[in-house]
Amino acid sequence: MKRIYVAGKLDDMACNYVKNLYQMIKSSEEVRKAGFAIFVPGIDFLLGVVHGNWKYEDYFNNSQPWLDISDAVFVQGDNWKESKGTKKEIERAREKGIPLFFDLKVMINYFKDKEE
């Protein structure tokens, strides 16, 4: 099963973060249902809630090793261009030669073609 890192804008404003996380989780379910294993960096939100002292770097540094071992990065949503973190993730994926996708059907076909 291919491992997919689901990237997208979160936010440093609490209300927007929750709304964007909701959308990221909804998008990631489509990726999962397409037969991929998913990692959603926003799910560590609860770690920050429980511990109460996580900073941006804690979240970002926790997710990047998952990106590094992913078979692809799926960038969800249209507002990722406003996200410094997503831009850093895209740059990191490019540096590591990890394929980037902005469309689920394109990603499905990419991996389907690799199997043939």
PDB file of N, CA and C in Angstrom:
ATOM      1  N   MET A   1       0.851  -1.181   0.000  1.00  0.00           N
ATOM      2  CA  MET A   1       0.000   0.000   0.000  1.00  0.00           C
ATOM      3  C   MET A   1       0.893   1.240   0.000  1.00  0.00           C
ATOM      4  N   LYS A   2       0.613   2.161  -0.887  1.00  0.00           N
ATOM      5  CA  LYS A   2       1.400   3.385  -0.990  1.00  0.00           C
ATOM      6  C   LYS A   2       1.042   4.335   0.154  1.00  0.00           C
ATOM      7  N   ARG A   3       2.082   4.971   0.695  1.00  0.00           N
ATOM      8  CA  ARG A   3       1.916   5.934   1.795  1.00  0.00           C
ATOM      9  C   ARG A   3       1.824   7.337   1.227  1.00  0.00           C
ATOM     10  N   ILE A   4       0.753   8.026   1.581  1.00  0.00           N
ATOM     11  CA  ILE A   4       0.516   9.365   1.055  1.00  0.00           C
ATOM     12  C   ILE A   4       0.473  10.367   2.202  1.00  0.00           C
ATOM     13  N   TYR A   5       1.294  11.386   2.083  1.00  0.00           N
ATOM     14  CA  TYR A   5       1.300  12.498   3.030  1.00  0.00           C
ATOM     15  C   TYR A   5       0.318  13.526   2.490  1.00  0.00           C
ATOM     16  N   VAL A   6      -0.679  13.870   3.283  1.00  0.00           N
ATOM     17  CA  VAL A   6      -1.711  14.817   2.845  1.00  0.00           C
ATOM     18  C   VAL A   6      -1.341  16.206   3.375  1.00  0.00           C
ATOM     19  N   ALA A   7      -0.963  17.083   2.471  1.00  0.00           N
ATOM     20  CA  ALA A   7      -0.553  18.437   2.836  1.00  0.00           C
ATOM     21  C   ALA A   7      -1.684  19.414   2.533  1.00  0.00           C
ATOM     22  N   GLY A   8      -1.641  20.546   3.196  1.00  0.00           N
ATOM     23  CA  GLY A   8      -2.614  21.598   2.948  1.00  0.00           C
ATOM     24  C   GLY A   8      -2.524  22.659   4.018  1.00  0.00           C
ATOM     25  N   LYS A   9      -3.174  23.743   3.759  1.00  0.00           N
ATOM     26  CA  LYS A   9      -3.146  24.865   4.698  1.00  0.00           C
ATOM     27  C   LYS A   9      -3.876  24.508   5.979  1.00  0.00           C
ATOM     28  N   LEU A  10      -3.231  24.792   7.079  1.00  0.00           N
ATOM     29  CA  LEU A  10      -3.913  24.768   8.367  1.00  0.00           C
ATOM     30  C   LEU A  10      -4.075  26.246   8.724  1.00  0.00           C
ATOM     31  N   ASP A  11      -3.576  26.731   9.795  1.00  0.00           N
ATOM     32  CA  ASP A  11      -3.649  28.168  10.097  1.00  0.00           C
ATOM     33  C   ASP A  11      -3.214  28.368  11.529  1.00  0.00           C
ATOM     34  N   ASP A  12      -2.768  29.565  11.857  1.00  0.00           N
ATOM     35  CA  ASP A  12      -2.426  29.818  13.243  1.00  0.00           C
ATOM     36  C   ASP A  12      -3.588  30.451  14.021  1.00  0.00           C
ATOM     37  N   MET A  13      -4.679  30.729  13.345  1.00  0.00           N
ATOM     38  CA  MET A  13      -5.886  31.208  14.014  1.00  0.00           C
ATOM     39  C   MET A  13      -6.746  29.986  14.336  1.00  0.00           C
ATOM     40  N   ALA A  14      -7.111  29.826  15.587  1.00  0.00           N
ATOM     41  CA  ALA A  14      -7.766  28.600  16.052  1.00  0.00           C
ATOM     42  C   ALA A  14      -8.990  28.208  15.230  1.00  0.00           C
ATOM     43  N   CYS A  15      -9.887  29.142  14.989  1.00  0.00           N
ATOM     44  CA  CYS A  15     -11.112  28.820  14.257  1.00  0.00           C
ATOM     45  C   CYS A  15     -10.794  28.363  12.836  1.00  0.00           C
ATOM     46  N   ASN A  16      -9.908  29.065  12.160  1.00  0.00           N
ATOM     47  CA  ASN A  16      -9.517  28.690  10.799  1.00  0.00           C
ATOM     48  C   ASN A  16      -8.777  27.364  10.790  1.00  0.00           C
ATOM     49  N   TYR A  17      -7.963  27.125  11.812  1.00  0.00           N
ATOM     50  CA  TYR A  17      -7.223  25.872  11.901  1.00  0.00           C
ATOM     51  C   TYR A  17      -8.194  24.701  11.942  1.00  0.00           C
ATOM     52  N   VAL A  18      -9.201  24.793  12.779  1.00  0.00           N
ATOM     53  CA  VAL A  18     -10.175  23.707  12.908  1.00  0.00           C
ATOM     54  C   VAL A  18     -10.940  23.516  11.594  1.00  0.00           C
ATOM     55  N   LYS A  19     -11.344  24.602  10.956  1.00  0.00           N
ATOM     56  CA  LYS A  19     -12.048  24.495   9.668  1.00  0.00           C
ATOM     57  C   LYS A  19     -11.153  23.851   8.610  1.00  0.00           C
ATOM     58  N   ASN A  20      -9.908  24.270   8.532  1.00  0.00           N
ATOM     59  CA  ASN A  20      -8.985  23.720   7.542  1.00  0.00           C
ATOM     60  C   ASN A  20      -8.635  22.270   7.857  1.00  0.00           C
ATOM     61  N   LEU A  21      -8.494  21.943   9.139  1.00  0.00           N
ATOM     62  CA  LEU A  21      -8.230  20.569   9.534  1.00  0.00           C
ATOM     63  C   LEU A  21      -9.407  19.671   9.157  1.00  0.00           C
ATOM     64  N   TYR A  22     -10.609  20.164   9.353  1.00  0.00           N
ATOM     65  CA  TYR A  22     -11.805  19.426   8.950  1.00  0.00           C
ATOM     66  C   TYR A  22     -11.736  19.093   7.456  1.00  0.00           C
ATOM     67  N   GLN A  23     -11.419  20.085   6.629  1.00  0.00           N
ATOM     68  CA  GLN A  23     -11.344  19.867   5.185  1.00  0.00           C
ATOM     69  C   GLN A  23     -10.215  18.907   4.831  1.00  0.00           C
ATOM     70  N   MET A  24      -9.086  19.025   5.527  1.00  0.00           N
ATOM     71  CA  MET A  24      -7.957  18.148   5.263  1.00  0.00           C
ATOM     72  C   MET A  24      -8.324  16.696   5.581  1.00  0.00           C
ATOM     73  N   ILE A  25      -9.021  16.491   6.681  1.00  0.00           N
ATOM     74  CA  ILE A  25      -9.425  15.141   7.063  1.00  0.00           C
ATOM     75  C   ILE A  25     -10.454  14.592   6.075  1.00  0.00           C
ATOM     76  N   LYS A  26     -11.385  15.433   5.623  1.00  0.00           N
ATOM     77  CA  LYS A  26     -12.364  14.993   4.614  1.00  0.00           C
ATOM     78  C   LYS A  26     -11.645  14.581   3.326  1.00  0.00           C
ATOM     79  N   SER A  27     -10.699  15.382   2.867  1.00  0.00           N
ATOM     80  CA  SER A  27      -9.947  15.066   1.649  1.00  0.00           C
ATOM     81  C   SER A  27      -9.128  13.796   1.832  1.00  0.00           C
ATOM     82  N   SER A  28      -8.527  13.638   2.997  1.00  0.00           N
ATOM     83  CA  SER A  28      -7.687  12.469   3.230  1.00  0.00           C
ATOM     84  C   SER A  28      -8.503  11.182   3.223  1.00  0.00           C
ATOM     85  N   GLU A  29      -9.759  11.257   3.607  1.00  0.00           N
ATOM     86  CA  GLU A  29     -10.610  10.069   3.566  1.00  0.00           C
ATOM     87  C   GLU A  29     -10.840   9.623   2.124  1.00  0.00           C
ATOM     88  N   GLU A  30     -10.945  10.557   1.216  1.00  0.00           N
ATOM     89  CA  GLU A  30     -11.068  10.208  -0.211  1.00  0.00           C
ATOM     90  C   GLU A  30      -9.799   9.492  -0.681  1.00  0.00           C
ATOM     91  N   VAL A  31      -8.651   9.970  -0.224  1.00  0.00           N
ATOM     92  CA  VAL A  31      -7.377   9.350  -0.578  1.00  0.00           C
ATOM     93  C   VAL A  31      -7.315   7.935   0.008  1.00  0.00           C
ATOM     94  N   ARG A  32      -7.718   7.782   1.259  1.00  0.00           N
ATOM     95  CA  ARG A  32      -7.713   6.475   1.906  1.00  0.00           C
ATOM     96  C   ARG A  32      -8.642   5.501   1.194  1.00  0.00           C
ATOM     97  N   LYS A  33      -9.833   5.974   0.850  1.00  0.00           N
ATOM     98  CA  LYS A  33     -10.800   5.117   0.158  1.00  0.00           C
ATOM     99  C   LYS A  33     -10.322   4.715  -1.228  1.00  0.00           C
ATOM    100  N   ALA A  34      -9.392   5.479  -1.798  1.00  0.00           N
ATOM    101  CA  ALA A  34      -8.827   5.144  -3.102  1.00  0.00           C
ATOM    102  C   ALA A  34      -7.750   4.061  -2.980  1.00  0.00           C
ATOM    103  N   GLY A  35      -7.484   3.616  -1.743  1.00  0.00           N
ATOM    104  CA  GLY A  35      -6.562   2.505  -1.543  1.00  0.00           C
ATOM    105  C   GLY A  35      -5.183   2.869  -1.036  1.00  0.00           C
ATOM    106  N   PHE A  36      -5.022   4.071  -0.536  1.00  0.00           N
ATOM    107  CA  PHE A  36      -3.727   4.514  -0.035  1.00  0.00           C
ATOM    108  C   PHE A  36      -3.735   4.576   1.491  1.00  0.00           C
ATOM    109  N   ALA A  37      -2.564   4.421   2.095  1.00  0.00           N
ATOM    110  CA  ALA A  37      -2.389   4.694   3.520  1.00  0.00           C
ATOM    111  C   ALA A  37      -2.097   6.189   3.639  1.00  0.00           C
ATOM    112  N   ILE A  38      -2.684   6.853   4.607  1.00  0.00           N
ATOM    113  CA  ILE A  38      -2.564   8.313   4.693  1.00  0.00           C
ATOM    114  C   ILE A  38      -1.883   8.747   5.984  1.00  0.00           C
ATOM    115  N   PHE A  39      -1.189   9.872   5.890  1.00  0.00           N
ATOM    116  CA  PHE A  39      -0.725  10.587   7.070  1.00  0.00           C
ATOM    117  C   PHE A  39      -1.221  12.015   6.935  1.00  0.00           C
ATOM    118  N   VAL A  40      -1.946  12.474   7.943  1.00  0.00           N
ATOM    119  CA  VAL A  40      -2.502  13.826   7.959  1.00  0.00           C
ATOM    120  C   VAL A  40      -1.775  14.609   9.052  1.00  0.00           C
ATOM    121  N   PRO A  41      -0.931  15.577   8.682  1.00  0.00           N
ATOM    122  CA  PRO A  41      -0.154  16.266   9.701  1.00  0.00           C
ATOM    123  C   PRO A  41      -0.996  16.985  10.745  1.00  0.00           C
ATOM    124  N   GLY A  42      -2.204  17.381  10.415  1.00  0.00           N
ATOM    125  CA  GLY A  42      -3.050  18.083  11.376  1.00  0.00           C
ATOM    126  C   GLY A  42      -3.578  17.219  12.507  1.00  0.00           C
ATOM    127  N   ILE A  43      -3.437  15.893  12.391  1.00  0.00           N
ATOM    128  CA  ILE A  43      -3.995  15.058  13.454  1.00  0.00           C
ATOM    129  C   ILE A  43      -3.234  15.188  14.766  1.00  0.00           C
ATOM    130  N   ASP A  44      -2.032  15.738  14.725  1.00  0.00           N
ATOM    131  CA  ASP A  44      -1.312  15.953  15.977  1.00  0.00           C
ATOM    132  C   ASP A  44      -1.864  17.153  16.756  1.00  0.00           C
ATOM    133  N   PHE A  45      -2.910  17.751  16.225  1.00  0.00           N
ATOM    134  CA  PHE A  45      -3.624  18.828  16.919  1.00  0.00           C
ATOM    135  C   PHE A  45      -3.961  18.410  18.356  1.00  0.00           C
ATOM    136  N   LEU A  46      -4.418  17.173  18.517  1.00  0.00           N
ATOM    137  CA  LEU A  46      -4.795  16.704  19.854  1.00  0.00           C
ATOM    138  C   LEU A  46      -3.588  16.592  20.784  1.00  0.00           C
ATOM    139  N   LEU A  47      -2.419  16.305  20.242  1.00  0.00           N
ATOM    140  CA  LEU A  47      -1.216  16.294  21.079  1.00  0.00           C
ATOM    141  C   LEU A  47      -0.980  17.686  21.671  1.00  0.00           C
ATOM    142  N   GLY A  48      -1.156  18.695  20.841  1.00  0.00           N
ATOM    143  CA  GLY A  48      -0.999  20.070  21.325  1.00  0.00           C
ATOM    144  C   GLY A  48      -2.042  20.438  22.358  1.00  0.00           C
ATOM    145  N   VAL A  49      -3.262  19.958  22.162  1.00  0.00           N
ATOM    146  CA  VAL A  49      -4.329  20.234  23.137  1.00  0.00           C
ATOM    147  C   VAL A  49      -4.014  19.568  24.471  1.00  0.00           C
ATOM    148  N   VAL A  50      -3.608  18.313  24.416  1.00  0.00           N
ATOM    149  CA  VAL A  50      -3.338  17.569  25.648  1.00  0.00           C
ATOM    150  C   VAL A  50      -2.130  18.131  26.382  1.00  0.00           C
ATOM    151  N   HIS A  51      -1.055  18.405  25.641  1.00  0.00           N
ATOM    152  CA  HIS A  51       0.175  18.873  26.288  1.00  0.00           C
ATOM    153  C   HIS A  51       0.158  20.372  26.550  1.00  0.00           C
ATOM    154  N   GLY A  52      -0.550  21.117  25.743  1.00  0.00           N
ATOM    155  CA  GLY A  52      -0.744  22.543  25.970  1.00  0.00           C
ATOM    156  C   GLY A  52       0.440  23.444  25.707  1.00  0.00           C
ATOM    157  N   ASN A  53       1.569  22.872  25.334  1.00  0.00           N
ATOM    158  CA  ASN A  53       2.749  23.728  25.177  1.00  0.00           C
ATOM    159  C   ASN A  53       3.459  23.525  23.840  1.00  0.00           C
ATOM    160  N   TRP A  54       2.805  22.869  22.886  1.00  0.00           N
ATOM    161  CA  TRP A  54       3.428  22.673  21.582  1.00  0.00           C
ATOM    162  C   TRP A  54       3.477  23.988  20.817  1.00  0.00           C
ATOM    163  N   LYS A  55       4.590  24.194  20.157  1.00  0.00           N
ATOM    164  CA  LYS A  55       4.761  25.361  19.286  1.00  0.00           C
ATOM    165  C   LYS A  55       4.717  24.882  17.838  1.00  0.00           C
ATOM    166  N   TYR A  56       4.664  25.834  16.921  1.00  0.00           N
ATOM    167  CA  TYR A  56       4.615  25.497  15.497  1.00  0.00           C
ATOM    168  C   TYR A  56       5.712  24.501  15.121  1.00  0.00           C
ATOM    169  N   GLU A  57       6.916  24.745  15.602  1.00  0.00           N
ATOM    170  CA  GLU A  57       8.050  23.886  15.265  1.00  0.00           C
ATOM    171  C   GLU A  57       7.822  22.456  15.733  1.00  0.00           C
ATOM    172  N   ASP A  58       7.167  22.278  16.885  1.00  0.00           N
ATOM    173  CA  ASP A  58       6.887  20.934  17.379  1.00  0.00           C
ATOM    174  C   ASP A  58       5.990  20.173  16.407  1.00  0.00           C
ATOM    175  N   TYR A  59       4.950  20.829  15.943  1.00  0.00           N
ATOM    176  CA  TYR A  59       4.044  20.201  14.983  1.00  0.00           C
ATOM    177  C   TYR A  59       4.768  19.899  13.674  1.00  0.00           C
ATOM    178  N   PHE A  60       5.432  20.901  13.139  1.00  0.00           N
ATOM    179  CA  PHE A  60       6.083  20.754  11.831  1.00  0.00           C
ATOM    180  C   PHE A  60       7.181  19.700  11.888  1.00  0.00           C
ATOM    181  N   ASN A  61       8.012  19.756  12.917  1.00  0.00           N
ATOM    182  CA  ASN A  61       9.110  18.801  13.026  1.00  0.00           C
ATOM    183  C   ASN A  61       8.618  17.376  13.270  1.00  0.00           C
ATOM    184  N   ASN A  62       7.458  17.232  13.875  1.00  0.00           N
ATOM    185  CA  ASN A  62       6.892  15.899  14.088  1.00  0.00           C
ATOM    186  C   ASN A  62       6.395  15.290  12.777  1.00  0.00           C
ATOM    187  N   SER A  63       5.892  16.113  11.881  1.00  0.00           N
ATOM    188  CA  SER A  63       5.295  15.574  10.650  1.00  0.00           C
ATOM    189  C   SER A  63       6.307  15.319   9.531  1.00  0.00           C
ATOM    190  N   GLN A  64       7.418  16.033   9.520  1.00  0.00           N
ATOM    191  CA  GLN A  64       8.325  15.949   8.379  1.00  0.00           C
ATOM    192  C   GLN A  64       8.967  14.577   8.160  1.00  0.00           C
ATOM    193  N   PRO A  65       9.302  13.831   9.208  1.00  0.00           N
ATOM    194  CA  PRO A  65       9.808  12.474   8.953  1.00  0.00           C
ATOM    195  C   PRO A  65       8.781  11.596   8.227  1.00  0.00           C
ATOM    196  N   TRP A  66       7.500  11.854   8.440  1.00  0.00           N
ATOM    197  CA  TRP A  66       6.453  11.116   7.729  1.00  0.00           C
ATOM    198  C   TRP A  66       6.433  11.507   6.257  1.00  0.00           C
ATOM    199  N   LEU A  67       6.625  12.774   5.995  1.00  0.00           N
ATOM    200  CA  LEU A  67       6.717  13.204   4.597  1.00  0.00           C
ATOM    201  C   LEU A  67       7.897  12.513   3.913  1.00  0.00           C
ATOM    202  N   ASP A  68       9.023  12.447   4.617  1.00  0.00           N
ATOM    203  CA  ASP A  68      10.247  11.894   4.040  1.00  0.00           C
ATOM    204  C   ASP A  68      10.109  10.436   3.609  1.00  0.00           C
ATOM    205  N   ILE A  69       9.246   9.678   4.268  1.00  0.00           N
ATOM    206  CA  ILE A  69       9.099   8.260   3.916  1.00  0.00           C
ATOM    207  C   ILE A  69       7.844   7.993   3.087  1.00  0.00           C
ATOM    208  N   SER A  70       7.168   9.045   2.685  1.00  0.00           N
ATOM    209  CA  SER A  70       5.954   8.884   1.891  1.00  0.00           C
ATOM    210  C   SER A  70       6.296   8.563   0.436  1.00  0.00           C
ATOM    211  N   ASP A  71       5.371   7.852  -0.193  1.00  0.00           N
ATOM    212  CA  ASP A  71       5.522   7.543  -1.613  1.00  0.00           C
ATOM    213  C   ASP A  71       5.068   8.707  -2.482  1.00  0.00           C
ATOM    214  N   ALA A  72       4.268   9.597  -1.904  1.00  0.00           N
ATOM    215  CA  ALA A  72       3.801  10.789  -2.621  1.00  0.00           C
ATOM    216  C   ALA A  72       3.244  11.776  -1.609  1.00  0.00           C
ATOM    217  N   VAL A  73       3.119  13.019  -2.065  1.00  0.00           N
ATOM    218  CA  VAL A  73       2.457  14.071  -1.293  1.00  0.00           C
ATOM    219  C   VAL A  73       1.233  14.505  -2.081  1.00  0.00           C
ATOM    220  N   PHE A  74       0.089  14.461  -1.421  1.00  0.00           N
ATOM    221  CA  PHE A  74      -1.155  14.939  -2.014  1.00  0.00           C
ATOM    222  C   PHE A  74      -1.474  16.286  -1.376  1.00  0.00           C
ATOM    223  N   VAL A  75      -1.479  17.338  -2.172  1.00  0.00           N
ATOM    224  CA  VAL A  75      -1.768  18.683  -1.684  1.00  0.00           C
ATOM    225  C   VAL A  75      -3.249  18.931  -1.914  1.00  0.00           C
ATOM    226  N   GLN A  76      -3.977  19.066  -0.832  1.00  0.00           N
ATOM    227  CA  GLN A  76      -5.426  19.204  -0.932  1.00  0.00           C
ATOM    228  C   GLN A  76      -5.839  20.662  -0.765  1.00  0.00           C
ATOM    229  N   GLY A  77      -6.979  20.971  -1.319  1.00  0.00           N
ATOM    230  CA  GLY A  77      -7.551  22.307  -1.167  1.00  0.00           C
ATOM    231  C   GLY A  77      -6.968  23.308  -2.142  1.00  0.00           C
ATOM    232  N   ASP A  78      -7.605  24.468  -2.165  1.00  0.00           N
ATOM    233  CA  ASP A  78      -7.176  25.537  -3.064  1.00  0.00           C
ATOM    234  C   ASP A  78      -6.386  26.626  -2.345  1.00  0.00           C
ATOM    235  N   ASN A  79      -6.424  26.625  -1.023  1.00  0.00           N
ATOM    236  CA  ASN A  79      -5.802  27.724  -0.287  1.00  0.00           C
ATOM    237  C   ASN A  79      -4.370  27.421   0.156  1.00  0.00           C
ATOM    238  N   TRP A  80      -3.763  26.344  -0.334  1.00  0.00           N
ATOM    239  CA  TRP A  80      -2.420  25.975   0.082  1.00  0.00           C
ATOM    240  C   TRP A  80      -1.390  27.037  -0.313  1.00  0.00           C
ATOM    241  N   LYS A  81      -1.670  27.819  -1.351  1.00  0.00           N
ATOM    242  CA  LYS A  81      -0.723  28.839  -1.795  1.00  0.00           C
ATOM    243  C   LYS A  81      -0.525  29.931  -0.749  1.00  0.00           C
ATOM    244  N   GLU A  82      -1.460  30.014   0.192  1.00  0.00           N
ATOM    245  CA  GLU A  82      -1.377  31.000   1.278  1.00  0.00           C
ATOM    246  C   GLU A  82      -0.617  30.447   2.478  1.00  0.00           C
ATOM    247  N   SER A  83      -0.147  29.223   2.401  1.00  0.00           N
ATOM    248  CA  SER A  83       0.451  28.544   3.547  1.00  0.00           C
ATOM    249  C   SER A  83       1.963  28.411   3.407  1.00  0.00           C
ATOM    250  N   LYS A  84       2.680  29.055   4.313  1.00  0.00           N
ATOM    251  CA  LYS A  84       4.143  28.934   4.314  1.00  0.00           C
ATOM    252  C   LYS A  84       4.553  27.492   4.591  1.00  0.00           C
ATOM    253  N   GLY A  85       3.838  26.825   5.507  1.00  0.00           N
ATOM    254  CA  GLY A  85       4.164  25.440   5.849  1.00  0.00           C
ATOM    255  C   GLY A  85       3.976  24.500   4.679  1.00  0.00           C
ATOM    256  N   THR A  86       2.867  24.650   3.945  1.00  0.00           N
ATOM    257  CA  THR A  86       2.632  23.778   2.794  1.00  0.00           C
ATOM    258  C   THR A  86       3.673  24.036   1.717  1.00  0.00           C
ATOM    259  N   LYS A  87       4.038  25.274   1.513  1.00  0.00           N
ATOM    260  CA  LYS A  87       5.083  25.583   0.534  1.00  0.00           C
ATOM    261  C   LYS A  87       6.408  24.924   0.929  1.00  0.00           C
ATOM    262  N   LYS A  88       6.720  24.912   2.236  1.00  0.00           N
ATOM    263  CA  LYS A  88       7.932  24.241   2.709  1.00  0.00           C
ATOM    264  C   LYS A  88       7.842  22.740   2.478  1.00  0.00           C
ATOM    265  N   GLU A  89       6.658  22.163   2.678  1.00  0.00           N
ATOM    266  CA  GLU A  89       6.474  20.728   2.453  1.00  0.00           C
ATOM    267  C   GLU A  89       6.640  20.390   0.972  1.00  0.00           C
ATOM    268  N   ILE A  90       6.101  21.224   0.111  1.00  0.00           N
ATOM    269  CA  ILE A  90       6.237  21.008  -1.334  1.00  0.00           C
ATOM    270  C   ILE A  90       7.711  21.084  -1.734  1.00  0.00           C
ATOM    271  N   GLU A  91       8.406  22.072  -1.225  1.00  0.00           N
ATOM    272  CA  GLU A  91       9.832  22.219  -1.520  1.00  0.00           C
ATOM    273  C   GLU A  91      10.608  20.998  -1.020  1.00  0.00           C
ATOM    274  N   ARG A  92      10.296  20.531   0.172  1.00  0.00           N
ATOM    275  CA  ARG A  92      10.974  19.366   0.742  1.00  0.00           C
ATOM    276  C   ARG A  92      10.715  18.121  -0.121  1.00  0.00           C
ATOM    277  N   ALA A  93       9.461  17.933  -0.534  1.00  0.00           N
ATOM    278  CA  ALA A  93       9.129  16.785  -1.384  1.00  0.00           C
ATOM    279  C   ALA A  93       9.920  16.855  -2.693  1.00  0.00           C
ATOM    280  N   ARG A  94       9.993  18.012  -3.288  1.00  0.00           N
ATOM    281  CA  ARG A  94      10.740  18.172  -4.547  1.00  0.00           C
ATOM    282  C   ARG A  94      12.221  17.849  -4.346  1.00  0.00           C
ATOM    283  N   GLU A  95      12.786  18.358  -3.252  1.00  0.00           N
ATOM    284  CA  GLU A  95      14.204  18.099  -2.961  1.00  0.00           C
ATOM    285  C   GLU A  95      14.475  16.604  -2.799  1.00  0.00           C
ATOM    286  N   LYS A  96      13.515  15.886  -2.252  1.00  0.00           N
ATOM    287  CA  LYS A  96      13.681  14.453  -1.990  1.00  0.00           C
ATOM    288  C   LYS A  96      13.180  13.581  -3.136  1.00  0.00           C
ATOM    289  N   GLY A  97      12.675  14.214  -4.196  1.00  0.00           N
ATOM    290  CA  GLY A  97      12.197  13.458  -5.340  1.00  0.00           C
ATOM    291  C   GLY A  97      10.896  12.711  -5.089  1.00  0.00           C
ATOM    292  N   ILE A  98      10.104  13.201  -4.151  1.00  0.00           N
ATOM    293  CA  ILE A  98       8.814  12.583  -3.829  1.00  0.00           C
ATOM    294  C   ILE A  98       7.761  13.211  -4.737  1.00  0.00           C
ATOM    295  N   PRO A  99       7.005  12.385  -5.466  1.00  0.00           N
ATOM    296  CA  PRO A  99       5.995  12.934  -6.377  1.00  0.00           C
ATOM    297  C   PRO A  99       4.945  13.766  -5.639  1.00  0.00           C
ATOM    298  N   LEU A 100       4.541  14.844  -6.288  1.00  0.00           N
ATOM    299  CA  LEU A 100       3.507  15.752  -5.756  1.00  0.00           C
ATOM    300  C   LEU A 100       2.264  15.651  -6.624  1.00  0.00           C
ATOM    301  N   PHE A 101       1.107  15.656  -5.967  1.00  0.00           N
ATOM    302  CA  PHE A 101      -0.153  15.609  -6.694  1.00  0.00           C
ATOM    303  C   PHE A 101      -1.117  16.622  -6.101  1.00  0.00           C
ATOM    304  N   PHE A 102      -1.880  17.244  -6.982  1.00  0.00           N
ATOM    305  CA  PHE A 102      -2.887  18.215  -6.583  1.00  0.00           C
ATOM    306  C   PHE A 102      -4.274  17.735  -6.989  1.00  0.00           C
ATOM    307  N   ASP A 103      -4.319  16.563  -7.619  1.00  0.00           N
ATOM    308  CA  ASP A 103      -5.572  15.984  -8.098  1.00  0.00           C
ATOM    309  C   ASP A 103      -5.541  14.491  -7.795  1.00  0.00           C
ATOM    310  N   LEU A 104      -6.569  13.999  -7.111  1.00  0.00           N
ATOM    311  CA  LEU A 104      -6.608  12.609  -6.687  1.00  0.00           C
ATOM    312  C   LEU A 104      -6.619  11.645  -7.871  1.00  0.00           C
ATOM    313  N   LYS A 105      -7.391  11.952  -8.903  1.00  0.00           N
ATOM    314  CA  LYS A 105      -7.459  11.060 -10.064  1.00  0.00           C
ATOM    315  C   LYS A 105      -6.101  10.934 -10.748  1.00  0.00           C
ATOM    316  N   VAL A 106      -5.380  12.026 -10.830  1.00  0.00           N
ATOM    317  CA  VAL A 106      -4.046  11.997 -11.430  1.00  0.00           C
ATOM    318  C   VAL A 106      -3.128  11.106 -10.599  1.00  0.00           C
ATOM    319  N   MET A 107      -3.217  11.201  -9.285  1.00  0.00           N
ATOM    320  CA  MET A 107      -2.382  10.377  -8.412  1.00  0.00           C
ATOM    321  C   MET A 107      -2.744   8.897  -8.548  1.00  0.00           C
ATOM    322  N   ILE A 108      -4.028   8.605  -8.570  1.00  0.00           N
ATOM    323  CA  ILE A 108      -4.471   7.214  -8.741  1.00  0.00           C
ATOM    324  C   ILE A 108      -3.914   6.641 -10.047  1.00  0.00           C
ATOM    325  N   ASN A 109      -4.040   7.394 -11.117  1.00  0.00           N
ATOM    326  CA  ASN A 109      -3.549   6.933 -12.421  1.00  0.00           C
ATOM    327  C   ASN A 109      -2.035   6.780 -12.443  1.00  0.00           C
ATOM    328  N   TYR A 110      -1.343   7.672 -11.777  1.00  0.00           N
ATOM    329  CA  TYR A 110       0.119   7.591 -11.701  1.00  0.00           C
ATOM    330  C   TYR A 110       0.547   6.256 -11.097  1.00  0.00           C
ATOM    331  N   PHE A 111      -0.047   5.892  -9.982  1.00  0.00           N
ATOM    332  CA  PHE A 111       0.339   4.650  -9.338  1.00  0.00           C
ATOM    333  C   PHE A 111      -0.199   3.423 -10.070  1.00  0.00           C
ATOM    334  N   LYS A 112      -1.327   3.566 -10.713  1.00  0.00           N
ATOM    335  CA  LYS A 112      -1.868   2.478 -11.516  1.00  0.00           C
ATOM    336  C   LYS A 112      -0.928   2.183 -12.685  1.00  0.00           C
ATOM    337  N   ASP A 113      -0.428   3.240 -13.329  1.00  0.00           N
ATOM    338  CA  ASP A 113       0.507   3.085 -14.450  1.00  0.00           C
ATOM    339  C   ASP A 113       1.825   2.446 -13.984  1.00  0.00           C
ATOM    340  N   LYS A 114       2.233   2.739 -12.767  1.00  0.00           N
ATOM    341  CA  LYS A 114       3.477   2.175 -12.223  1.00  0.00           C
ATOM    342  C   LYS A 114       3.354   0.673 -12.006  1.00  0.00           C
ATOM    343  N   GLU A 115       2.137   0.207 -11.722  1.00  0.00           N
ATOM    344  CA  GLU A 115       1.902  -1.216 -11.477  1.00  0.00           C
ATOM    345  C   GLU A 115       1.948  -2.023 -12.769  1.00  0.00           C
ATOM    346  N   GLU A 116       1.603  -1.393 -13.864  1.00  0.00           N
ATOM    347  CA  GLU A 116       1.513  -2.119 -15.149  1.00  0.00           C
ATOM    348  C   GLU A 116       2.855  -2.359 -15.781  1.00  0.00           C
TER     349      GLU A 116
END
